[in-house]
Amino acid sequence: MTANKRKVEVFSAGCPACAETVKLVQQIACSSCEVEVLDMNKPEVAAKARQYGVKTVPAVAINGKLAGCCTDAGPNEAALRSAGLGVAG
């Protein structure tokens, strides 16, 4: 990768939402973007995702930094309970 190339990593689990993100990234990537789709089912990819702070997929990292749109912590107990999970009908 040359100095002016932008490394774009898409963390995917192969789900439909992941496929849509991969397609979107590939559509908007420019000639200076090097896009790599990474399979979260592989332990080494999951380990790399943890290093980047990936909590949910799909997620996109650019030049080794998780994109702002992908930094949400994912599901947590408080949010799920406030949505009604675990509360009798």
C-alpha atoms as a PDB file:
ATOM      1  CA  MET A   1       0.000   0.000   0.000  1.00  0.00           C
ATOM      2  CA  THR A   2       1.431   3.326  -1.011  1.00  0.00           C
ATOM      3  CA  ALA A   3       1.403   6.343   1.286  1.00  0.00           C
ATOM      4  CA  ASN A   4      -1.598   7.937  -0.449  1.00  0.00           C
ATOM      5  CA  LYS A   5      -3.719   4.755  -0.393  1.00  0.00           C
ATOM      6  CA  ARG A   6      -6.547   4.546   2.119  1.00  0.00           C
ATOM      7  CA  LYS A   7      -6.982   1.108   3.723  1.00  0.00           C
ATOM      8  CA  VAL A   8     -10.663   0.310   4.189  1.00  0.00           C
ATOM      9  CA  GLU A   9     -11.574  -2.791   6.200  1.00  0.00           C
ATOM     10  CA  VAL A  10     -15.151  -4.040   6.297  1.00  0.00           C
ATOM     11  CA  PHE A  11     -15.899  -6.442   9.154  1.00  0.00           C
ATOM     12  CA  SER A  12     -18.653  -8.783   8.013  1.00  0.00           C
ATOM     13  CA  ALA A  13     -20.442 -11.861   9.336  1.00  0.00           C
ATOM     14  CA  GLY A  14     -22.022 -12.630   5.976  1.00  0.00           C
ATOM     15  CA  CYS A  15     -25.473 -11.350   6.949  1.00  0.00           C
ATOM     16  CA  PRO A  16     -27.705  -9.356   4.562  1.00  0.00           C
ATOM     17  CA  ALA A  17     -26.948  -6.091   6.414  1.00  0.00           C
ATOM     18  CA  CYS A  18     -23.234  -6.833   6.098  1.00  0.00           C
ATOM     19  CA  ALA A  19     -23.611  -7.515   2.367  1.00  0.00           C
ATOM     20  CA  GLU A  20     -25.365  -4.155   1.925  1.00  0.00           C
ATOM     21  CA  THR A  21     -22.516  -2.383   3.730  1.00  0.00           C
ATOM     22  CA  VAL A  22     -19.895  -4.154   1.616  1.00  0.00           C
ATOM     23  CA  LYS A  23     -21.764  -3.094  -1.525  1.00  0.00           C
ATOM     24  CA  LEU A  24     -22.053   0.510  -0.286  1.00  0.00           C
ATOM     25  CA  VAL A  25     -18.351   0.723   0.586  1.00  0.00           C
ATOM     26  CA  GLN A  26     -17.390  -0.704  -2.804  1.00  0.00           C
ATOM     27  CA  GLN A  27     -19.691   1.788  -4.569  1.00  0.00           C
ATOM     28  CA  ILE A  28     -18.271   4.861  -2.841  1.00  0.00           C
ATOM     29  CA  ALA A  29     -14.626   3.759  -2.677  1.00  0.00           C
ATOM     30  CA  CYS A  30     -12.296   5.766  -4.874  1.00  0.00           C
ATOM     31  CA  SER A  31      -9.198   4.681  -6.749  1.00  0.00           C
ATOM     32  CA  SER A  32      -7.047   5.491  -3.711  1.00  0.00           C
ATOM     33  CA  CYS A  33      -9.099   3.162  -1.480  1.00  0.00           C
ATOM     34  CA  GLU A  34      -7.959  -0.388  -0.886  1.00  0.00           C
ATOM     35  CA  VAL A  35     -11.086  -2.260   0.276  1.00  0.00           C
ATOM     36  CA  GLU A  36     -10.769  -5.541   2.175  1.00  0.00           C
ATOM     37  CA  VAL A  37     -13.757  -7.542   3.408  1.00  0.00           C
ATOM     38  CA  LEU A  38     -12.947  -9.446   6.598  1.00  0.00           C
ATOM     39  CA  ASP A  39     -14.879 -12.510   7.800  1.00  0.00           C
ATOM     40  CA  MET A  40     -15.747 -12.198  11.498  1.00  0.00           C
ATOM     41  CA  ASN A  41     -16.129 -15.995  11.672  1.00  0.00           C
ATOM     42  CA  LYS A  42     -12.328 -16.261  11.545  1.00  0.00           C
ATOM     43  CA  PRO A  43     -10.689 -15.973  15.000  1.00  0.00           C
ATOM     44  CA  GLU A  44      -7.871 -13.735  13.753  1.00  0.00           C
ATOM     45  CA  VAL A  45     -10.391 -11.323  12.209  1.00  0.00           C
ATOM     46  CA  ALA A  46     -12.487 -11.279  15.398  1.00  0.00           C
ATOM     47  CA  ALA A  47      -9.320 -10.506  17.387  1.00  0.00           C
ATOM     48  CA  LYS A  48      -8.453  -7.616  15.049  1.00  0.00           C
ATOM     49  CA  ALA A  49     -12.019  -6.320  15.343  1.00  0.00           C
ATOM     50  CA  ARG A  50     -11.732  -6.311  19.147  1.00  0.00           C
ATOM     51  CA  GLN A  51      -8.506  -4.294  18.877  1.00  0.00           C
ATOM     52  CA  TYR A  52     -10.371  -1.703  16.793  1.00  0.00           C
ATOM     53  CA  GLY A  53     -13.259  -1.627  19.261  1.00  0.00           C
ATOM     54  CA  VAL A  54     -15.831  -3.261  16.970  1.00  0.00           C
ATOM     55  CA  LYS A  55     -18.925  -4.170  19.000  1.00  0.00           C
ATOM     56  CA  THR A  56     -21.364  -4.955  16.183  1.00  0.00           C
ATOM     57  CA  VAL A  57     -21.212  -5.868  12.518  1.00  0.00           C
ATOM     58  CA  PRO A  58     -21.144  -4.657   9.901  1.00  0.00           C
ATOM     59  CA  ALA A  59     -18.362  -2.265  10.840  1.00  0.00           C
ATOM     60  CA  VAL A  60     -15.890  -0.265   8.769  1.00  0.00           C
ATOM     61  CA  ALA A  61     -12.373   0.808   9.719  1.00  0.00           C
ATOM     62  CA  ILE A  62     -10.405   3.308   7.654  1.00  0.00           C
ATOM     63  CA  ASN A  63      -6.637   3.417   8.028  1.00  0.00           C
ATOM     64  CA  GLY A  64      -6.837   1.357  11.205  1.00  0.00           C
ATOM     65  CA  LYS A  65      -9.498   3.494  12.913  1.00  0.00           C
ATOM     66  CA  LEU A  66     -13.123   2.528  13.359  1.00  0.00           C
ATOM     67  CA  ALA A  67     -15.384   4.870  11.378  1.00  0.00           C
ATOM     68  CA  GLY A  68     -17.548   7.137  13.538  1.00  0.00           C
ATOM     69  CA  CYS A  69     -20.712   5.483  12.255  1.00  0.00           C
ATOM     70  CA  CYS A  70     -19.530   2.133  13.627  1.00  0.00           C
ATOM     71  CA  THR A  71     -18.564   3.030  17.187  1.00  0.00           C
ATOM     72  CA  ASP A  72     -21.887   2.281  18.904  1.00  0.00           C
ATOM     73  CA  ALA A  73     -21.516  -0.215  21.705  1.00  0.00           C
ATOM     74  CA  GLY A  74     -24.208  -2.529  20.375  1.00  0.00           C
ATOM     75  CA  PRO A  75     -26.964  -4.073  22.461  1.00  0.00           C
ATOM     76  CA  ASN A  76     -26.770  -3.642  26.207  1.00  0.00           C
ATOM     77  CA  GLU A  77     -29.032  -4.817  29.000  1.00  0.00           C
ATOM     78  CA  ALA A  78     -30.308  -1.388  30.031  1.00  0.00           C
ATOM     79  CA  ALA A  79     -31.353  -0.452  26.495  1.00  0.00           C
ATOM     80  CA  LEU A  80     -33.004  -3.826  25.927  1.00  0.00           C
ATOM     81  CA  ARG A  81     -34.910  -3.629  29.203  1.00  0.00           C
ATOM     82  CA  SER A  82     -36.076  -0.079  28.466  1.00  0.00           C
ATOM     83  CA  ALA A  83     -37.402  -1.385  25.129  1.00  0.00           C
ATOM     84  CA  GLY A  84     -39.507  -3.903  27.038  1.00  0.00           C
ATOM     85  CA  LEU A  85     -37.387  -7.049  27.021  1.00  0.00           C
ATOM     86  CA  GLY A  86     -37.945  -9.125  30.144  1.00  0.00           C
ATOM     87  CA  VAL A  87     -41.078  -7.251  31.162  1.00  0.00           C
ATOM     88  CA  ALA A  88     -44.246  -9.352  31.397  1.00  0.00           C
ATOM     89  CA  GLY A  89     -46.906  -8.273  28.904  1.00  0.00           C
END
